[in-house]
Amino acid sequence: MMSEPAKRSTIYLDPELHRALRLKAFDTGRSMTDLVNEAVRMAFREDQEDLSAFDERVKEPEMTYEALLKDLKAHGKI
């Protein structure tokens, strides 16, 4: 199976983030591209985990903020 060639993009980083990324790339012997790709993949995995958790809890009863506060007060938590 052939993989697609990498796509080139322009992104704008906060100067301090850019400096930290460049230093990490140097220290780890990896490219900035590899580090950014890994970070984006991790963020997408976390999003997928969150969405899965929402799906698993969709049938749970909802509680309003007001009801939550009353429950906490009734149980001496606040």
PDB file of N, CA and C in Angstrom:
ATOM      1  N   MET A   1       0.837  -1.172   0.000  1.00  0.00           N
ATOM      2  CA  MET A   1       0.000   0.000   0.000  1.00  0.00           C
ATOM      3  C   MET A   1       0.884   1.238   0.000  1.00  0.00           C
ATOM      4  N   MET A   2       0.659   2.158  -0.937  1.00  0.00           N
ATOM      5  CA  MET A   2       1.445   3.385  -1.021  1.00  0.00           C
ATOM      6  C   MET A   2       0.815   4.460  -0.154  1.00  0.00           C
ATOM      7  N   SER A   3       1.645   5.156   0.581  1.00  0.00           N
ATOM      8  CA  SER A   3       1.118   6.253   1.382  1.00  0.00           C
ATOM      9  C   SER A   3       1.216   7.550   0.580  1.00  0.00           C
ATOM     10  N   GLU A   4       0.352   8.468   0.906  1.00  0.00           N
ATOM     11  CA  GLU A   4       0.368   9.759   0.236  1.00  0.00           C
ATOM     12  C   GLU A   4       1.592  10.543   0.678  1.00  0.00           C
ATOM     13  N   PRO A   5       2.113  11.384  -0.209  1.00  0.00           N
ATOM     14  CA  PRO A   5       3.223  12.234   0.225  1.00  0.00           C
ATOM     15  C   PRO A   5       2.725  13.250   1.249  1.00  0.00           C
ATOM     16  N   ALA A   6       3.611  13.688   2.093  1.00  0.00           N
ATOM     17  CA  ALA A   6       3.249  14.655   3.134  1.00  0.00           C
ATOM     18  C   ALA A   6       2.745  15.939   2.491  1.00  0.00           C
ATOM     19  N   LYS A   7       1.791  16.567   3.147  1.00  0.00           N
ATOM     20  CA  LYS A   7       1.250  17.848   2.699  1.00  0.00           C
ATOM     21  C   LYS A   7       1.983  18.964   3.414  1.00  0.00           C
ATOM     22  N   ARG A   8       2.258  19.996   2.682  1.00  0.00           N
ATOM     23  CA  ARG A   8       2.948  21.147   3.262  1.00  0.00           C
ATOM     24  C   ARG A   8       1.926  22.168   3.712  1.00  0.00           C
ATOM     25  N   SER A   9       2.107  22.694   4.923  1.00  0.00           N
ATOM     26  CA  SER A   9       1.202  23.693   5.481  1.00  0.00           C
ATOM     27  C   SER A   9       2.011  24.781   6.163  1.00  0.00           C
ATOM     28  N   THR A  10       1.423  25.931   6.234  1.00  0.00           N
ATOM     29  CA  THR A  10       2.025  27.027   6.991  1.00  0.00           C
ATOM     30  C   THR A  10       1.212  27.199   8.248  1.00  0.00           C
ATOM     31  N   ILE A  11       1.878  27.150   9.377  1.00  0.00           N
ATOM     32  CA  ILE A  11       1.223  27.396  10.657  1.00  0.00           C
ATOM     33  C   ILE A  11       2.001  28.501  11.366  1.00  0.00           C
ATOM     34  N   TYR A  12       1.315  29.203  12.236  1.00  0.00           N
ATOM     35  CA  TYR A  12       1.947  30.282  12.982  1.00  0.00           C
ATOM     36  C   TYR A  12       1.932  29.914  14.453  1.00  0.00           C
ATOM     37  N   LEU A  13       3.123  29.803  15.028  1.00  0.00           N
ATOM     38  CA  LEU A  13       3.268  29.437  16.431  1.00  0.00           C
ATOM     39  C   LEU A  13       3.650  30.655  17.250  1.00  0.00           C
ATOM     40  N   ASP A  14       3.208  30.659  18.471  1.00  0.00           N
ATOM     41  CA  ASP A  14       3.674  31.647  19.426  1.00  0.00           C
ATOM     42  C   ASP A  14       5.203  31.518  19.475  1.00  0.00           C
ATOM     43  N   PRO A  15       5.918  32.626  19.512  1.00  0.00           N
ATOM     44  CA  PRO A  15       7.386  32.555  19.486  1.00  0.00           C
ATOM     45  C   PRO A  15       7.995  31.650  20.564  1.00  0.00           C
ATOM     46  N   GLU A  16       7.418  31.665  21.758  1.00  0.00           N
ATOM     47  CA  GLU A  16       7.956  30.820  22.825  1.00  0.00           C
ATOM     48  C   GLU A  16       7.685  29.342  22.549  1.00  0.00           C
ATOM     49  N   LEU A  17       6.522  29.037  21.987  1.00  0.00           N
ATOM     50  CA  LEU A  17       6.241  27.646  21.610  1.00  0.00           C
ATOM     51  C   LEU A  17       7.179  27.184  20.506  1.00  0.00           C
ATOM     52  N   HIS A  18       7.435  28.072  19.552  1.00  0.00           N
ATOM     53  CA  HIS A  18       8.355  27.734  18.460  1.00  0.00           C
ATOM     54  C   HIS A  18       9.748  27.448  19.002  1.00  0.00           C
ATOM     55  N   ARG A  19      10.192  28.278  19.919  1.00  0.00           N
ATOM     56  CA  ARG A  19      11.523  28.085  20.524  1.00  0.00           C
ATOM     57  C   ARG A  19      11.582  26.753  21.274  1.00  0.00           C
ATOM     58  N   ALA A  20      10.544  26.465  22.064  1.00  0.00           N
ATOM     59  CA  ALA A  20      10.509  25.219  22.830  1.00  0.00           C
ATOM     60  C   ALA A  20      10.467  24.012  21.896  1.00  0.00           C
ATOM     61  N   LEU A  21       9.695  24.112  20.832  1.00  0.00           N
ATOM     62  CA  LEU A  21       9.602  23.018  19.867  1.00  0.00           C
ATOM     63  C   LEU A  21      10.944  22.782  19.186  1.00  0.00           C
ATOM     64  N   ARG A  22      11.586  23.864  18.790  1.00  0.00           N
ATOM     65  CA  ARG A  22      12.893  23.754  18.139  1.00  0.00           C
ATOM     66  C   ARG A  22      13.914  23.119  19.076  1.00  0.00           C
ATOM     67  N   LEU A  23      13.911  23.531  20.360  1.00  0.00           N
ATOM     68  CA  LEU A  23      14.850  22.955  21.332  1.00  0.00           C
ATOM     69  C   LEU A  23      14.553  21.473  21.590  1.00  0.00           C
ATOM     70  N   LYS A  24      13.263  21.139  21.680  1.00  0.00           N
ATOM     71  CA  LYS A  24      12.913  19.734  21.898  1.00  0.00           C
ATOM     72  C   LYS A  24      13.346  18.898  20.703  1.00  0.00           C
ATOM     73  N   ALA A  25      13.133  19.413  19.513  1.00  0.00           N
ATOM     74  CA  ALA A  25      13.545  18.684  18.309  1.00  0.00           C
ATOM     75  C   ALA A  25      15.050  18.430  18.340  1.00  0.00           C
ATOM     76  N   PHE A  26      15.799  19.447  18.702  1.00  0.00           N
ATOM     77  CA  PHE A  26      17.259  19.296  18.787  1.00  0.00           C
ATOM     78  C   PHE A  26      17.646  18.277  19.852  1.00  0.00           C
ATOM     79  N   ASP A  27      17.060  18.415  21.041  1.00  0.00           N
ATOM     80  CA  ASP A  27      17.399  17.529  22.154  1.00  0.00           C
ATOM     81  C   ASP A  27      17.031  16.074  21.899  1.00  0.00           C
ATOM     82  N   THR A  28      15.951  15.852  21.171  1.00  0.00           N
ATOM     83  CA  THR A  28      15.496  14.480  20.936  1.00  0.00           C
ATOM     84  C   THR A  28      15.994  13.905  19.612  1.00  0.00           C
ATOM     85  N   GLY A  29      16.625  14.747  18.798  1.00  0.00           N
ATOM     86  CA  GLY A  29      17.099  14.275  17.504  1.00  0.00           C
ATOM     87  C   GLY A  29      15.967  14.005  16.518  1.00  0.00           C
ATOM     88  N   ARG A  30      14.840  14.631  16.758  1.00  0.00           N
ATOM     89  CA  ARG A  30      13.686  14.464  15.870  1.00  0.00           C
ATOM     90  C   ARG A  30      13.412  15.786  15.177  1.00  0.00           C
ATOM     91  N   SER A  31      12.659  15.729  14.104  1.00  0.00           N
ATOM     92  CA  SER A  31      12.321  16.967  13.404  1.00  0.00           C
ATOM     93  C   SER A  31      11.132  17.637  14.070  1.00  0.00           C
ATOM     94  N   MET A  32      11.008  18.926  13.845  1.00  0.00           N
ATOM     95  CA  MET A  32       9.851  19.656  14.347  1.00  0.00           C
ATOM     96  C   MET A  32       8.581  19.084  13.724  1.00  0.00           C
ATOM     97  N   THR A  33       8.652  18.696  12.467  1.00  0.00           N
ATOM     98  CA  THR A  33       7.497  18.095  11.790  1.00  0.00           C
ATOM     99  C   THR A  33       7.045  16.836  12.516  1.00  0.00           C
ATOM    100  N   ASP A  34       7.988  15.960  12.873  1.00  0.00           N
ATOM    101  CA  ASP A  34       7.632  14.727  13.592  1.00  0.00           C
ATOM    102  C   ASP A  34       6.958  15.040  14.922  1.00  0.00           C
ATOM    103  N   LEU A  35       7.499  16.012  15.646  1.00  0.00           N
ATOM    104  CA  LEU A  35       6.930  16.367  16.945  1.00  0.00           C
ATOM    105  C   LEU A  35       5.526  16.955  16.804  1.00  0.00           C
ATOM    106  N   VAL A  36       5.319  17.812  15.815  1.00  0.00           N
ATOM    107  CA  VAL A  36       3.997  18.403  15.603  1.00  0.00           C
ATOM    108  C   VAL A  36       3.007  17.322  15.174  1.00  0.00           C
ATOM    109  N   ASN A  37       3.408  16.456  14.245  1.00  0.00           N
ATOM    110  CA  ASN A  37       2.521  15.370  13.815  1.00  0.00           C
ATOM    111  C   ASN A  37       2.127  14.483  14.995  1.00  0.00           C
ATOM    112  N   GLU A  38       3.085  14.156  15.850  1.00  0.00           N
ATOM    113  CA  GLU A  38       2.791  13.332  17.019  1.00  0.00           C
ATOM    114  C   GLU A  38       1.815  14.042  17.958  1.00  0.00           C
ATOM    115  N   ALA A  39       2.024  15.334  18.181  1.00  0.00           N
ATOM    116  CA  ALA A  39       1.145  16.095  19.074  1.00  0.00           C
ATOM    117  C   ALA A  39      -0.277  16.167  18.519  1.00  0.00           C
ATOM    118  N   VAL A  40      -0.410  16.361  17.213  1.00  0.00           N
ATOM    119  CA  VAL A  40      -1.735  16.423  16.601  1.00  0.00           C
ATOM    120  C   VAL A  40      -2.417  15.060  16.690  1.00  0.00           C
ATOM    121  N   ARG A  41      -1.677  13.990  16.421  1.00  0.00           N
ATOM    122  CA  ARG A  41      -2.252  12.638  16.549  1.00  0.00           C
ATOM    123  C   ARG A  41      -2.733  12.380  17.974  1.00  0.00           C
ATOM    124  N   MET A  42      -1.931  12.782  18.953  1.00  0.00           N
ATOM    125  CA  MET A  42      -2.317  12.590  20.355  1.00  0.00           C
ATOM    126  C   MET A  42      -3.593  13.378  20.677  1.00  0.00           C
ATOM    127  N   ALA A  43      -3.682  14.598  20.168  1.00  0.00           N
ATOM    128  CA  ALA A  43      -4.875  15.415  20.416  1.00  0.00           C
ATOM    129  C   ALA A  43      -6.106  14.758  19.789  1.00  0.00           C
ATOM    130  N   PHE A  44      -5.962  14.210  18.582  1.00  0.00           N
ATOM    131  CA  PHE A  44      -7.084  13.527  17.937  1.00  0.00           C
ATOM    132  C   PHE A  44      -7.473  12.265  18.693  1.00  0.00           C
ATOM    133  N   ARG A  45      -6.481  11.515  19.208  1.00  0.00           N
ATOM    134  CA  ARG A  45      -6.793  10.323  20.010  1.00  0.00           C
ATOM    135  C   ARG A  45      -7.569  10.711  21.265  1.00  0.00           C
ATOM    136  N   GLU A  46      -7.141  11.788  21.916  1.00  0.00           N
ATOM    137  CA  GLU A  46      -7.846  12.254  23.114  1.00  0.00           C
ATOM    138  C   GLU A  46      -9.277  12.659  22.775  1.00  0.00           C
ATOM    139  N   ASP A  47      -9.452  13.343  21.637  1.00  0.00           N
ATOM    140  CA  ASP A  47     -10.798  13.714  21.205  1.00  0.00           C
ATOM    141  C   ASP A  47     -11.649  12.472  20.982  1.00  0.00           C
ATOM    142  N   GLN A  48     -11.081  11.447  20.349  1.00  0.00           N
ATOM    143  CA  GLN A  48     -11.814  10.215  20.091  1.00  0.00           C
ATOM    144  C   GLN A  48     -12.194   9.525  21.395  1.00  0.00           C
ATOM    145  N   GLU A  49     -11.283   9.516  22.352  1.00  0.00           N
ATOM    146  CA  GLU A  49     -11.592   8.935  23.665  1.00  0.00           C
ATOM    147  C   GLU A  49     -12.721   9.703  24.348  1.00  0.00           C
ATOM    148  N   ASP A  50     -12.681  11.031  24.256  1.00  0.00           N
ATOM    149  CA  ASP A  50     -13.742  11.851  24.851  1.00  0.00           C
ATOM    150  C   ASP A  50     -15.082  11.553  24.197  1.00  0.00           C
ATOM    151  N   LEU A  51     -15.099  11.477  22.872  1.00  0.00           N
ATOM    152  CA  LEU A  51     -16.348  11.191  22.162  1.00  0.00           C
ATOM    153  C   LEU A  51     -16.882   9.811  22.524  1.00  0.00           C
ATOM    154  N   SER A  52     -15.988   8.846  22.677  1.00  0.00           N
ATOM    155  CA  SER A  52     -16.412   7.508  23.077  1.00  0.00           C
ATOM    156  C   SER A  52     -17.015   7.525  24.475  1.00  0.00           C
ATOM    157  N   ALA A  53     -16.411   8.293  25.371  1.00  0.00           N
ATOM    158  CA  ALA A  53     -16.931   8.398  26.735  1.00  0.00           C
ATOM    159  C   ALA A  53     -18.310   9.046  26.726  1.00  0.00           C
ATOM    160  N   PHE A  54     -18.506  10.058  25.894  1.00  0.00           N
ATOM    161  CA  PHE A  54     -19.825  10.686  25.792  1.00  0.00           C
ATOM    162  C   PHE A  54     -20.855   9.680  25.299  1.00  0.00           C
ATOM    163  N   ASP A  55     -20.463   8.883  24.293  1.00  0.00           N
ATOM    164  CA  ASP A  55     -21.384   7.869  23.763  1.00  0.00           C
ATOM    165  C   ASP A  55     -21.767   6.854  24.833  1.00  0.00           C
ATOM    166  N   GLU A  56     -20.801   6.456  25.649  1.00  0.00           N
ATOM    167  CA  GLU A  56     -21.062   5.472  26.698  1.00  0.00           C
ATOM    168  C   GLU A  56     -21.987   6.024  27.779  1.00  0.00           C
ATOM    169  N   ARG A  57     -21.972   7.339  27.979  1.00  0.00           N
ATOM    170  CA  ARG A  57     -22.738   7.938  29.070  1.00  0.00           C
ATOM    171  C   ARG A  57     -24.030   8.596  28.607  1.00  0.00           C
ATOM    172  N   VAL A  58     -24.379   8.436  27.328  1.00  0.00           N
ATOM    173  CA  VAL A  58     -25.529   9.141  26.769  1.00  0.00           C
ATOM    174  C   VAL A  58     -26.836   8.796  27.479  1.00  0.00           C
ATOM    175  N   LYS A  59     -26.955   7.593  28.027  1.00  0.00           N
ATOM    176  CA  LYS A  59     -28.191   7.171  28.676  1.00  0.00           C
ATOM    177  C   LYS A  59     -28.240   7.496  30.165  1.00  0.00           C
ATOM    178  N   GLU A  60     -27.168   8.050  30.700  1.00  0.00           N
ATOM    179  CA  GLU A  60     -27.160   8.425  32.106  1.00  0.00           C
ATOM    180  C   GLU A  60     -28.078   9.622  32.329  1.00  0.00           C
ATOM    181  N   PRO A  61     -28.726   9.669  33.481  1.00  0.00           N
ATOM    182  CA  PRO A  61     -29.606  10.815  33.741  1.00  0.00           C
ATOM    183  C   PRO A  61     -28.792  12.105  33.858  1.00  0.00           C
ATOM    184  N   GLU A  62     -29.400  13.182  33.378  1.00  0.00           N
ATOM    185  CA  GLU A  62     -28.738  14.489  33.471  1.00  0.00           C
ATOM    186  C   GLU A  62     -29.108  15.155  34.783  1.00  0.00           C
ATOM    187  N   MET A  63     -28.196  16.008  35.258  1.00  0.00           N
ATOM    188  CA  MET A  63     -28.443  16.752  36.485  1.00  0.00           C
ATOM    189  C   MET A  63     -28.136  18.218  36.195  1.00  0.00           C
ATOM    190  N   THR A  64     -29.016  19.094  36.598  1.00  0.00           N
ATOM    191  CA  THR A  64     -28.760  20.518  36.408  1.00  0.00           C
ATOM    192  C   THR A  64     -27.717  20.984  37.417  1.00  0.00           C
ATOM    193  N   TYR A  65     -27.137  22.108  37.126  1.00  0.00           N
ATOM    194  CA  TYR A  65     -26.150  22.682  38.039  1.00  0.00           C
ATOM    195  C   TYR A  65     -26.792  22.987  39.384  1.00  0.00           C
ATOM    196  N   GLU A  66     -28.003  23.513  39.338  1.00  0.00           N
ATOM    197  CA  GLU A  66     -28.726  23.829  40.577  1.00  0.00           C
ATOM    198  C   GLU A  66     -28.953  22.567  41.411  1.00  0.00           C
ATOM    199  N   ALA A  67     -29.354  21.483  40.751  1.00  0.00           N
ATOM    200  CA  ALA A  67     -29.578  20.222  41.466  1.00  0.00           C
ATOM    201  C   ALA A  67     -28.273  19.685  42.039  1.00  0.00           C
ATOM    202  N   LEU A  68     -27.196  19.839  41.303  1.00  0.00           N
ATOM    203  CA  LEU A  68     -25.885  19.404  41.790  1.00  0.00           C
ATOM    204  C   LEU A  68     -25.508  20.155  43.056  1.00  0.00           C
ATOM    205  N   LEU A  69     -25.697  21.476  43.044  1.00  0.00           N
ATOM    206  CA  LEU A  69     -25.371  22.271  44.232  1.00  0.00           C
ATOM    207  C   LEU A  69     -26.221  21.860  45.427  1.00  0.00           C
ATOM    208  N   LYS A  70     -27.513  21.620  45.196  1.00  0.00           N
ATOM    209  CA  LYS A  70     -28.391  21.174  46.283  1.00  0.00           C
ATOM    210  C   LYS A  70     -27.930  19.832  46.834  1.00  0.00           C
ATOM    211  N   ASP A  71     -27.531  18.922  45.952  1.00  0.00           N
ATOM    212  CA  ASP A  71     -27.061  17.606  46.378  1.00  0.00           C
ATOM    213  C   ASP A  71     -25.778  17.725  47.200  1.00  0.00           C
ATOM    214  N   LEU A  72     -24.862  18.570  46.734  1.00  0.00           N
ATOM    215  CA  LEU A  72     -23.611  18.766  47.481  1.00  0.00           C
ATOM    216  C   LEU A  72     -23.886  19.354  48.855  1.00  0.00           C
ATOM    217  N   LYS A  73     -24.791  20.309  48.918  1.00  0.00           N
ATOM    218  CA  LYS A  73     -25.132  20.909  50.207  1.00  0.00           C
ATOM    219  C   LYS A  73     -25.809  19.898  51.124  1.00  0.00           C
ATOM    220  N   ALA A  74     -26.710  19.098  50.568  1.00  0.00           N
ATOM    221  CA  ALA A  74     -27.423  18.094  51.370  1.00  0.00           C
ATOM    222  C   ALA A  74     -26.473  17.076  51.955  1.00  0.00           C
ATOM    223  N   HIS A  75     -25.361  16.814  51.269  1.00  0.00           N
ATOM    224  CA  HIS A  75     -24.400  15.821  51.756  1.00  0.00           C
ATOM    225  C   HIS A  75     -23.208  16.449  52.466  1.00  0.00           C
ATOM    226  N   GLY A  76     -23.338  17.742  52.805  1.00  0.00           N
ATOM    227  CA  GLY A  76     -22.291  18.421  53.583  1.00  0.00           C
ATOM    228  C   GLY A  76     -20.997  18.664  52.841  1.00  0.00           C
ATOM    229  N   LYS A  77     -21.054  18.685  51.519  1.00  0.00           N
ATOM    230  CA  LYS A  77     -19.836  18.893  50.735  1.00  0.00           C
ATOM    231  C   LYS A  77     -19.538  20.379  50.540  1.00  0.00           C
ATOM    232  N   ILE A  78     -20.581  21.195  50.637  1.00  0.00           N
ATOM    233  CA  ILE A  78     -20.383  22.657  50.544  1.00  0.00           C
ATOM    234  C   ILE A  78     -21.185  23.337  51.619  1.00  0.00           C
TER     235      ILE A  78
END
